[in-house]
């Protein structure tokens, strides 16, 4: 929207550089009397000449306004490009974060399944008298920690998904 406005301002400033022909109600009323056509205060041609010659007398001012509008538009283009780059960066970061968390979750889930087997093996060893109960408790503790890690990674994945939706323009108020 700002870029469209800046382009409009440049077009307006450029149009001001050229002479314009405008008919006003005042010039139209004064023109009813043919005797006033060539008198300066009430002259139809005087009003037309003023609007046609005005850009010539104000050329420097109008040219400066045009250059200012061009600079403002260039600044708006730069801000727009920066906004696009930031948006692309946010989306890219969110996608990479999701991908990394997916890989972490897979590893943590695999670790949990291995630790569950280790817990079963330690319980069998305890039942057969080849291990003490401390080893069983340690194995179960490791499984619990691994399951908590999987839960934590799943929570981080859900938060990363929300961040992704926000970075592509979604969200809520």
N, C-alpha and C. Protein backbone atom coordinates (compact mmCIF):
# COMPACT_ATOMS: atom_id res chain seq x y z
N UNK A 1 0.82 -1.18 0.00
CA UNK A 1 0.00 0.00 0.00
C UNK A 1 0.87 1.26 0.00
N UNK A 2 1.93 1.24 0.80
CA UNK A 2 2.82 2.39 0.84
C UNK A 2 3.51 2.58 -0.51
N UNK A 3 3.86 1.48 -1.15
CA UNK A 3 4.51 1.56 -2.46
C UNK A 3 3.55 2.12 -3.50
N UNK A 4 2.30 1.73 -3.47
CA UNK A 4 1.31 2.28 -4.39
C UNK A 4 1.13 3.77 -4.16
N UNK A 5 1.10 4.17 -2.89
CA UNK A 5 0.98 5.59 -2.56
C UNK A 5 2.19 6.37 -3.06
N UNK A 6 3.38 5.81 -2.88
CA UNK A 6 4.59 6.49 -3.32
C UNK A 6 4.61 6.63 -4.84
N UNK A 7 4.17 5.59 -5.55
CA UNK A 7 4.09 5.67 -7.01
C UNK A 7 3.09 6.74 -7.45
N UNK A 8 1.98 6.84 -6.74
CA UNK A 8 0.99 7.87 -7.04
C UNK A 8 1.55 9.27 -6.81
N UNK A 9 2.32 9.43 -5.73
CA UNK A 9 2.92 10.73 -5.45
C UNK A 9 3.93 11.13 -6.52
N UNK A 10 4.68 10.15 -7.03
CA UNK A 10 5.62 10.44 -8.11
C UNK A 10 4.87 10.87 -9.36
N UNK A 11 3.79 10.17 -9.68
CA UNK A 11 2.98 10.54 -10.86
C UNK A 11 2.38 11.91 -10.72
N UNK A 12 1.91 12.25 -9.53
CA UNK A 12 1.32 13.57 -9.27
C UNK A 12 2.38 14.66 -9.42
N UNK A 13 3.56 14.42 -8.85
CA UNK A 13 4.63 15.42 -8.94
C UNK A 13 5.10 15.59 -10.39
N UNK A 14 5.13 14.50 -11.14
CA UNK A 14 5.53 14.58 -12.56
C UNK A 14 4.48 15.34 -13.35
N UNK A 15 3.21 15.11 -13.06
CA UNK A 15 2.14 15.80 -13.77
C UNK A 15 2.17 17.30 -13.49
N UNK A 16 2.60 17.69 -12.30
CA UNK A 16 2.69 19.11 -11.97
C UNK A 16 3.77 19.83 -12.76
N UNK A 17 4.72 19.08 -13.33
CA UNK A 17 5.77 19.70 -14.14
C UNK A 17 5.23 20.24 -15.46
N UNK A 18 4.10 19.75 -15.90
CA UNK A 18 3.56 20.13 -17.21
C UNK A 18 2.46 21.17 -17.04
N UNK A 19 2.30 22.02 -18.04
CA UNK A 19 1.23 23.01 -17.97
C UNK A 19 -0.13 22.32 -17.95
N UNK A 20 -1.07 22.98 -17.26
CA UNK A 20 -2.40 22.40 -17.18
C UNK A 20 -3.42 23.45 -17.61
N UNK A 21 -4.47 22.99 -18.15
CA UNK A 21 -5.55 23.87 -18.57
C UNK A 21 -6.74 23.54 -17.69
N UNK A 22 -7.16 24.50 -16.88
CA UNK A 22 -8.28 24.25 -15.98
C UNK A 22 -9.33 25.32 -16.19
N UNK A 23 -10.56 24.90 -16.16
CA UNK A 23 -11.69 25.82 -16.28
C UNK A 23 -12.36 25.87 -14.93
N UNK A 24 -12.47 27.07 -14.41
CA UNK A 24 -13.11 27.25 -13.11
C UNK A 24 -14.42 27.99 -13.30
N UNK A 25 -15.25 27.95 -12.31
CA UNK A 25 -16.53 28.64 -12.39
C UNK A 25 -16.32 30.15 -12.45
N UNK A 26 -15.33 30.64 -11.75
CA UNK A 26 -15.06 32.08 -11.75
C UNK A 26 -14.70 32.56 -13.14
N UNK A 27 -13.82 31.85 -13.81
CA UNK A 27 -13.43 32.26 -15.16
C UNK A 27 -14.62 32.15 -16.10
N UNK A 28 -15.49 31.20 -15.87
CA UNK A 28 -16.66 31.03 -16.72
C UNK A 28 -17.64 32.18 -16.55
N UNK A 29 -17.85 32.66 -15.31
CA UNK A 29 -18.76 33.78 -15.08
C UNK A 29 -18.20 35.08 -15.66
N UNK A 30 -16.90 35.25 -15.52
CA UNK A 30 -16.29 36.47 -16.05
C UNK A 30 -16.30 36.47 -17.57
N UNK A 31 -16.35 35.32 -18.16
CA UNK A 31 -16.28 35.23 -19.61
C UNK A 31 -17.61 35.57 -20.27
N UNK A 32 -18.67 35.74 -19.48
CA UNK A 32 -19.96 36.08 -20.07
C UNK A 32 -19.93 37.45 -20.74
N UNK A 33 -19.12 38.31 -20.21
CA UNK A 33 -18.98 39.64 -20.81
C UNK A 33 -17.79 39.61 -21.74
N UNK A 34 -18.04 39.80 -23.01
CA UNK A 34 -16.93 39.77 -23.97
C UNK A 34 -15.96 40.91 -23.75
N UNK A 35 -16.40 41.95 -23.11
CA UNK A 35 -15.49 43.06 -22.84
C UNK A 35 -14.44 42.70 -21.80
N UNK A 36 -14.70 41.68 -20.98
CA UNK A 36 -13.77 41.25 -19.94
C UNK A 36 -12.79 40.19 -20.42
N UNK A 37 -12.90 39.76 -21.64
CA UNK A 37 -12.04 38.67 -22.10
C UNK A 37 -10.55 39.04 -22.06
N UNK A 38 -10.25 40.29 -22.32
CA UNK A 38 -8.84 40.67 -22.40
C UNK A 38 -8.40 41.59 -21.28
N UNK A 39 -9.27 41.92 -20.33
CA UNK A 39 -8.85 42.73 -19.18
C UNK A 39 -8.27 41.79 -18.13
N UNK A 40 -7.20 42.20 -17.52
CA UNK A 40 -6.43 41.30 -16.66
C UNK A 40 -7.18 40.82 -15.43
N UNK A 41 -7.84 41.61 -14.62
CA UNK A 41 -8.46 41.03 -13.44
C UNK A 41 -9.57 40.05 -13.76
N UNK A 42 -10.36 40.30 -14.77
CA UNK A 42 -11.51 39.45 -15.05
C UNK A 42 -11.33 38.72 -16.37
N UNK A 43 -10.12 38.52 -16.78
CA UNK A 43 -9.85 37.99 -18.10
C UNK A 43 -9.92 36.47 -18.14
N UNK A 44 -10.65 35.92 -19.10
CA UNK A 44 -10.68 34.48 -19.34
C UNK A 44 -9.31 34.02 -19.78
N UNK A 45 -8.70 34.77 -20.67
CA UNK A 45 -7.39 34.39 -21.19
C UNK A 45 -6.30 34.59 -20.15
N UNK A 46 -6.50 35.53 -19.25
CA UNK A 46 -5.54 35.73 -18.17
C UNK A 46 -5.50 34.54 -17.24
N UNK A 47 -6.65 33.98 -16.92
CA UNK A 47 -6.70 32.80 -16.06
C UNK A 47 -6.08 31.59 -16.76
N UNK A 48 -6.36 31.43 -18.05
CA UNK A 48 -5.81 30.31 -18.81
C UNK A 48 -4.30 30.46 -18.92
N UNK A 49 -3.84 31.67 -19.20
CA UNK A 49 -2.42 31.91 -19.34
C UNK A 49 -1.71 31.64 -18.02
N UNK A 50 -2.33 32.03 -16.90
CA UNK A 50 -1.72 31.77 -15.59
C UNK A 50 -1.54 30.29 -15.32
N UNK A 51 -2.51 29.48 -15.65
CA UNK A 51 -2.39 28.05 -15.39
C UNK A 51 -1.45 27.37 -16.38
N UNK A 52 -1.28 27.94 -17.56
CA UNK A 52 -0.37 27.35 -18.55
C UNK A 52 1.07 27.76 -18.30
N UNK A 53 1.29 28.97 -17.79
CA UNK A 53 2.64 29.49 -17.62
C UNK A 53 3.19 29.19 -16.22
N UNK A 54 2.34 28.89 -15.27
CA UNK A 54 2.76 28.67 -13.88
C UNK A 54 3.88 27.63 -13.76
N UNK A 55 3.83 26.48 -14.42
CA UNK A 55 4.93 25.52 -14.30
C UNK A 55 6.26 26.07 -14.79
N UNK A 56 6.25 27.02 -15.69
CA UNK A 56 7.50 27.59 -16.17
C UNK A 56 8.14 28.46 -15.10
N UNK A 57 7.32 29.19 -14.35
CA UNK A 57 7.86 30.06 -13.31
C UNK A 57 8.26 29.27 -12.05
N UNK A 58 7.63 28.16 -11.82
CA UNK A 58 7.92 27.35 -10.63
C UNK A 58 8.65 26.06 -10.99
N UNK A 59 9.41 26.09 -12.06
CA UNK A 59 10.07 24.88 -12.55
C UNK A 59 10.99 24.27 -11.49
N UNK A 60 11.79 25.09 -10.81
CA UNK A 60 12.72 24.57 -9.81
C UNK A 60 11.97 23.94 -8.63
N UNK A 61 10.93 24.60 -8.16
CA UNK A 61 10.15 24.08 -7.04
C UNK A 61 9.47 22.76 -7.43
N UNK A 62 8.85 22.74 -8.59
CA UNK A 62 8.15 21.53 -9.03
C UNK A 62 9.13 20.39 -9.32
N UNK A 63 10.28 20.74 -9.87
CA UNK A 63 11.30 19.72 -10.13
C UNK A 63 11.82 19.14 -8.82
N UNK A 64 12.01 19.99 -7.82
CA UNK A 64 12.45 19.52 -6.51
C UNK A 64 11.40 18.61 -5.87
N UNK A 65 10.13 18.99 -5.98
CA UNK A 65 9.07 18.13 -5.46
C UNK A 65 9.06 16.77 -6.16
N UNK A 66 9.31 16.76 -7.45
CA UNK A 66 9.36 15.51 -8.21
C UNK A 66 10.52 14.64 -7.72
N UNK A 67 11.69 15.25 -7.54
CA UNK A 67 12.86 14.48 -7.08
C UNK A 67 12.66 13.97 -5.65
N UNK A 68 12.00 14.76 -4.81
CA UNK A 68 11.70 14.30 -3.45
C UNK A 68 10.74 13.11 -3.49
N UNK A 69 9.74 13.18 -4.37
CA UNK A 69 8.80 12.06 -4.51
C UNK A 69 9.52 10.81 -5.00
N UNK A 70 10.47 10.99 -5.91
CA UNK A 70 11.25 9.84 -6.41
C UNK A 70 12.08 9.22 -5.29
N UNK A 71 12.71 10.07 -4.48
CA UNK A 71 13.52 9.57 -3.36
C UNK A 71 12.64 8.86 -2.34
N UNK A 72 11.47 9.43 -2.05
CA UNK A 72 10.54 8.78 -1.13
C UNK A 72 10.11 7.42 -1.66
N UNK A 73 9.86 7.35 -2.97
CA UNK A 73 9.48 6.07 -3.55
C UNK A 73 10.62 5.06 -3.45
N UNK A 74 11.85 5.51 -3.70
CA UNK A 74 13.00 4.61 -3.58
C UNK A 74 13.15 4.10 -2.15
N UNK A 75 12.93 4.98 -1.18
CA UNK A 75 13.00 4.54 0.22
C UNK A 75 11.89 3.55 0.54
N UNK A 76 10.72 3.76 -0.02
CA UNK A 76 9.61 2.84 0.19
C UNK A 76 9.92 1.48 -0.44
N UNK A 77 10.54 1.49 -1.62
CA UNK A 77 10.93 0.23 -2.27
C UNK A 77 11.94 -0.51 -1.40
N UNK A 78 12.89 0.21 -0.84
CA UNK A 78 13.90 -0.42 0.02
C UNK A 78 13.24 -1.03 1.25
N UNK A 79 12.32 -0.27 1.88
CA UNK A 79 11.61 -0.81 3.06
C UNK A 79 10.79 -2.05 2.68
N UNK A 80 10.16 -2.01 1.50
CA UNK A 80 9.37 -3.16 1.05
C UNK A 80 10.27 -4.38 0.85
N UNK A 81 11.42 -4.16 0.22
CA UNK A 81 12.35 -5.28 -0.01
C UNK A 81 12.87 -5.84 1.32
N UNK A 82 13.15 -4.96 2.27
CA UNK A 82 13.61 -5.42 3.58
C UNK A 82 12.52 -6.24 4.27
N UNK A 83 11.29 -5.81 4.15
CA UNK A 83 10.17 -6.54 4.74
C UNK A 83 10.05 -7.92 4.12
N UNK A 84 10.19 -7.99 2.81
CA UNK A 84 10.12 -9.28 2.12
C UNK A 84 11.26 -10.19 2.57
N UNK A 85 12.46 -9.63 2.67
CA UNK A 85 13.61 -10.44 3.10
C UNK A 85 13.43 -10.96 4.52
N UNK A 86 12.92 -10.12 5.40
CA UNK A 86 12.68 -10.55 6.78
C UNK A 86 11.62 -11.66 6.81
N UNK A 87 10.57 -11.49 6.00
CA UNK A 87 9.51 -12.51 5.96
C UNK A 87 10.05 -13.84 5.45
N UNK A 88 10.84 -13.79 4.39
CA UNK A 88 11.42 -15.03 3.85
C UNK A 88 12.35 -15.67 4.88
N UNK A 89 13.11 -14.85 5.57
CA UNK A 89 14.02 -15.37 6.59
C UNK A 89 13.23 -16.05 7.72
N UNK A 90 12.14 -15.42 8.17
CA UNK A 90 11.34 -16.01 9.25
C UNK A 90 10.74 -17.34 8.83
N UNK A 91 10.21 -17.41 7.60
CA UNK A 91 9.61 -18.66 7.13
C UNK A 91 10.69 -19.73 7.00
N UNK A 92 11.83 -19.35 6.44
CA UNK A 92 12.92 -20.32 6.27
C UNK A 92 13.40 -20.83 7.62
N UNK A 93 13.57 -19.94 8.58
CA UNK A 93 14.00 -20.35 9.92
C UNK A 93 12.99 -21.29 10.57
N UNK A 94 11.71 -20.98 10.41
CA UNK A 94 10.67 -21.83 11.00
C UNK A 94 10.67 -23.22 10.36
N UNK A 95 10.85 -23.28 9.05
CA UNK A 95 10.89 -24.58 8.37
C UNK A 95 12.10 -25.41 8.80
N UNK A 96 13.26 -24.75 8.91
CA UNK A 96 14.46 -25.46 9.34
C UNK A 96 14.30 -25.95 10.78
N UNK A 97 13.71 -25.10 11.62
CA UNK A 97 13.49 -25.50 13.01
C UNK A 97 12.58 -26.72 13.10
N UNK A 98 11.50 -26.71 12.30
CA UNK A 98 10.61 -27.87 12.28
C UNK A 98 11.33 -29.13 11.83
N UNK A 99 12.16 -28.99 10.81
CA UNK A 99 12.89 -30.15 10.28
C UNK A 99 13.86 -30.71 11.32
N UNK A 100 14.57 -29.83 12.01
CA UNK A 100 15.52 -30.26 13.03
C UNK A 100 14.80 -30.91 14.21
N UNK A 101 13.67 -30.33 14.61
CA UNK A 101 12.92 -30.92 15.72
C UNK A 101 12.35 -32.29 15.36
N UNK A 102 11.96 -32.46 14.10
CA UNK A 102 11.47 -33.76 13.66
C UNK A 102 12.57 -34.81 13.77
N UNK A 103 13.78 -34.43 13.35
CA UNK A 103 14.90 -35.37 13.45
C UNK A 103 15.22 -35.67 14.92
N UNK A 104 15.19 -34.65 15.78
CA UNK A 104 15.45 -34.87 17.21
C UNK A 104 14.39 -35.78 17.83
N UNK A 105 13.16 -35.58 17.43
CA UNK A 105 12.08 -36.40 17.99
C UNK A 105 12.23 -37.86 17.57
N UNK A 106 12.62 -38.06 16.33
CA UNK A 106 12.84 -39.43 15.85
C UNK A 106 13.94 -40.12 16.65
N UNK A 107 15.04 -39.40 16.87
CA UNK A 107 16.15 -39.98 17.66
C UNK A 107 15.72 -40.24 19.10
N UNK A 108 14.98 -39.31 19.68
CA UNK A 108 14.53 -39.50 21.07
C UNK A 108 13.55 -40.66 21.18
N UNK A 109 12.67 -40.81 20.20
CA UNK A 109 11.73 -41.93 20.22
C UNK A 109 12.47 -43.25 20.06
N UNK A 110 13.47 -43.29 19.20
CA UNK A 110 14.28 -44.51 19.04
C UNK A 110 15.02 -44.84 20.34
N UNK A 111 15.56 -43.80 20.98
CA UNK A 111 16.27 -44.00 22.24
C UNK A 111 15.31 -44.54 23.30
N UNK A 112 14.09 -44.03 23.31
CA UNK A 112 13.10 -44.48 24.29
C UNK A 112 12.77 -45.95 24.08
N UNK A 113 12.60 -46.35 22.83
CA UNK A 113 12.29 -47.77 22.58
C UNK A 113 13.46 -48.68 22.97
N UNK A 114 14.67 -48.25 22.75
CA UNK A 114 15.84 -49.03 23.16
C UNK A 114 15.90 -49.11 24.69
N UNK A 115 15.61 -47.99 25.35
CA UNK A 115 15.65 -48.00 26.82
C UNK A 115 14.52 -48.85 27.40
N UNK A 116 13.37 -48.91 26.71
CA UNK A 116 12.30 -49.80 27.17
C UNK A 116 12.75 -51.26 27.11
N UNK A 117 13.46 -51.62 26.06
CA UNK A 117 13.99 -52.99 25.95
C UNK A 117 15.02 -53.24 27.04
N UNK A 118 15.84 -52.22 27.32
CA UNK A 118 16.84 -52.36 28.39
C UNK A 118 16.15 -52.54 29.74
N UNK A 119 15.02 -51.86 29.95
CA UNK A 119 14.28 -52.01 31.20
C UNK A 119 13.74 -53.43 31.32
N UNK A 120 13.19 -53.94 30.23
CA UNK A 120 12.68 -55.32 30.25
C UNK A 120 13.82 -56.31 30.53
N UNK A 121 14.96 -56.07 29.92
CA UNK A 121 16.10 -56.97 30.14
C UNK A 121 16.59 -56.89 31.59
N UNK A 122 16.61 -55.68 32.15
CA UNK A 122 17.07 -55.54 33.55
C UNK A 122 16.08 -56.21 34.51
N UNK A 123 14.77 -56.15 34.19
CA UNK A 123 13.79 -56.84 35.04
C UNK A 123 13.97 -58.36 34.95
N UNK A 124 14.25 -58.87 33.75
CA UNK A 124 14.51 -60.30 33.61
C UNK A 124 15.76 -60.71 34.38
N UNK A 125 16.79 -59.90 34.30
CA UNK A 125 18.02 -60.19 35.03
C UNK A 125 17.76 -60.17 36.55
N UNK A 126 16.94 -59.20 36.99
CA UNK A 126 16.62 -59.12 38.41
C UNK A 126 15.84 -60.36 38.87
N UNK A 127 14.87 -60.79 38.03
CA UNK A 127 14.08 -61.97 38.38
C UNK A 127 14.94 -63.23 38.46
N UNK A 128 15.97 -63.28 37.64
CA UNK A 128 16.86 -64.44 37.64
C UNK A 128 18.01 -64.30 38.62
N UNK A 129 18.04 -63.19 39.35
CA UNK A 129 19.05 -63.00 40.39
C UNK A 129 20.39 -62.57 39.85
N UNK A 130 20.45 -62.10 38.62
CA UNK A 130 21.73 -61.71 38.04
C UNK A 130 21.97 -60.19 38.12
N UNK A 131 21.00 -59.43 38.63
CA UNK A 131 21.15 -57.98 38.78
C UNK A 131 20.42 -57.54 40.03
N UNK A 132 20.81 -56.41 40.56
CA UNK A 132 20.11 -55.90 41.74
C UNK A 132 19.00 -54.93 41.30
N UNK A 133 18.16 -54.57 42.26
CA UNK A 133 16.99 -53.75 41.92
C UNK A 133 17.40 -52.33 41.55
N UNK A 134 18.54 -51.89 41.99
CA UNK A 134 19.01 -50.55 41.62
C UNK A 134 19.19 -50.43 40.11
N UNK A 135 19.64 -51.48 39.47
CA UNK A 135 19.79 -51.45 38.01
C UNK A 135 18.42 -51.34 37.32
N UNK A 136 17.40 -51.99 37.87
CA UNK A 136 16.04 -51.89 37.32
C UNK A 136 15.52 -50.48 37.48
N UNK A 137 15.72 -49.89 38.65
CA UNK A 137 15.25 -48.52 38.89
C UNK A 137 15.99 -47.54 37.99
N UNK A 138 17.27 -47.74 37.82
CA UNK A 138 18.06 -46.86 36.94
C UNK A 138 17.56 -46.96 35.51
N UNK A 139 17.26 -48.13 35.03
CA UNK A 139 16.76 -48.31 33.67
C UNK A 139 15.39 -47.65 33.50
N UNK A 140 14.52 -47.82 34.50
CA UNK A 140 13.20 -47.19 34.43
C UNK A 140 13.31 -45.66 34.48
N UNK A 141 14.25 -45.16 35.26
CA UNK A 141 14.49 -43.72 35.33
C UNK A 141 14.96 -43.18 33.98
N UNK A 142 15.83 -43.94 33.34
CA UNK A 142 16.30 -43.53 32.00
C UNK A 142 15.15 -43.49 30.99
N UNK A 143 14.24 -44.46 31.07
CA UNK A 143 13.08 -44.47 30.18
C UNK A 143 12.21 -43.25 30.43
N UNK A 144 11.97 -42.96 31.73
CA UNK A 144 11.15 -41.80 32.07
C UNK A 144 11.76 -40.51 31.54
N UNK A 145 13.07 -40.34 31.74
CA UNK A 145 13.74 -39.14 31.22
C UNK A 145 13.65 -39.05 29.70
N UNK A 146 13.78 -40.17 29.05
CA UNK A 146 13.69 -40.18 27.59
C UNK A 146 12.28 -39.84 27.12
N UNK A 147 11.27 -40.37 27.82
CA UNK A 147 9.89 -40.04 27.46
C UNK A 147 9.59 -38.56 27.70
N UNK A 148 10.14 -37.99 28.77
CA UNK A 148 9.98 -36.56 29.02
C UNK A 148 10.66 -35.73 27.92
N UNK A 149 11.79 -36.20 27.45
CA UNK A 149 12.48 -35.51 26.37
C UNK A 149 11.65 -35.55 25.09
N UNK A 150 11.02 -36.69 24.79
CA UNK A 150 10.16 -36.79 23.60
C UNK A 150 8.98 -35.83 23.74
N UNK A 151 8.40 -35.75 24.92
CA UNK A 151 7.29 -34.84 25.15
C UNK A 151 7.73 -33.38 24.98
N UNK A 152 8.89 -33.06 25.50
CA UNK A 152 9.42 -31.70 25.37
C UNK A 152 9.68 -31.35 23.91
N UNK A 153 10.22 -32.27 23.16
CA UNK A 153 10.48 -32.03 21.73
C UNK A 153 9.16 -31.89 20.97
N UNK A 154 8.16 -32.69 21.33
CA UNK A 154 6.85 -32.57 20.68
C UNK A 154 6.24 -31.20 20.96
N UNK A 155 6.39 -30.72 22.19
CA UNK A 155 5.90 -29.38 22.54
C UNK A 155 6.63 -28.33 21.71
N UNK A 156 7.94 -28.48 21.57
CA UNK A 156 8.71 -27.52 20.77
C UNK A 156 8.29 -27.58 19.29
N UNK A 157 7.95 -28.77 18.80
CA UNK A 157 7.46 -28.90 17.42
C UNK A 157 6.15 -28.15 17.24
N UNK A 158 5.25 -28.29 18.18
CA UNK A 158 3.97 -27.59 18.09
C UNK A 158 4.17 -26.07 18.13
N UNK A 159 5.06 -25.62 19.00
CA UNK A 159 5.36 -24.18 19.05
C UNK A 159 6.01 -23.70 17.75
N UNK A 160 6.87 -24.52 17.18
CA UNK A 160 7.51 -24.16 15.90
C UNK A 160 6.48 -24.11 14.77
N UNK A 161 5.48 -24.98 14.83
CA UNK A 161 4.41 -24.94 13.83
C UNK A 161 3.61 -23.66 13.95
N UNK A 162 3.34 -23.24 15.17
CA UNK A 162 2.64 -21.96 15.39
C UNK A 162 3.50 -20.81 14.85
N UNK A 163 4.80 -20.84 15.12
CA UNK A 163 5.70 -19.81 14.61
C UNK A 163 5.69 -19.78 13.09
N UNK A 164 5.63 -20.94 12.47
CA UNK A 164 5.58 -21.01 11.01
C UNK A 164 4.30 -20.36 10.49
N UNK A 165 3.18 -20.69 11.11
CA UNK A 165 1.91 -20.08 10.68
C UNK A 165 1.95 -18.56 10.84
N UNK A 166 2.52 -18.10 11.92
CA UNK A 166 2.61 -16.65 12.14
C UNK A 166 3.53 -16.00 11.11
N UNK A 167 4.62 -16.66 10.76
CA UNK A 167 5.59 -16.06 9.83
C UNK A 167 5.05 -16.01 8.40
N UNK A 168 4.11 -16.88 8.06
CA UNK A 168 3.53 -16.81 6.71
C UNK A 168 2.29 -15.92 6.68
N UNK A 169 2.02 -15.25 7.79
CA UNK A 169 0.94 -14.26 7.81
C UNK A 169 -0.28 -14.70 8.57
N UNK A 170 -0.29 -15.87 9.10
CA UNK A 170 -1.44 -16.32 9.89
C UNK A 170 -1.31 -15.81 11.30
N UNK A 171 -2.29 -16.07 12.07
CA UNK A 171 -2.21 -15.65 13.47
C UNK A 171 -3.58 -15.34 14.00
N UNK A 172 -3.59 -14.74 15.13
CA UNK A 172 -4.84 -14.40 15.77
C UNK A 172 -4.64 -13.08 16.50
N UNK A 173 -5.74 -12.46 16.86
CA UNK A 173 -5.67 -11.18 17.57
C UNK A 173 -5.81 -11.39 19.05
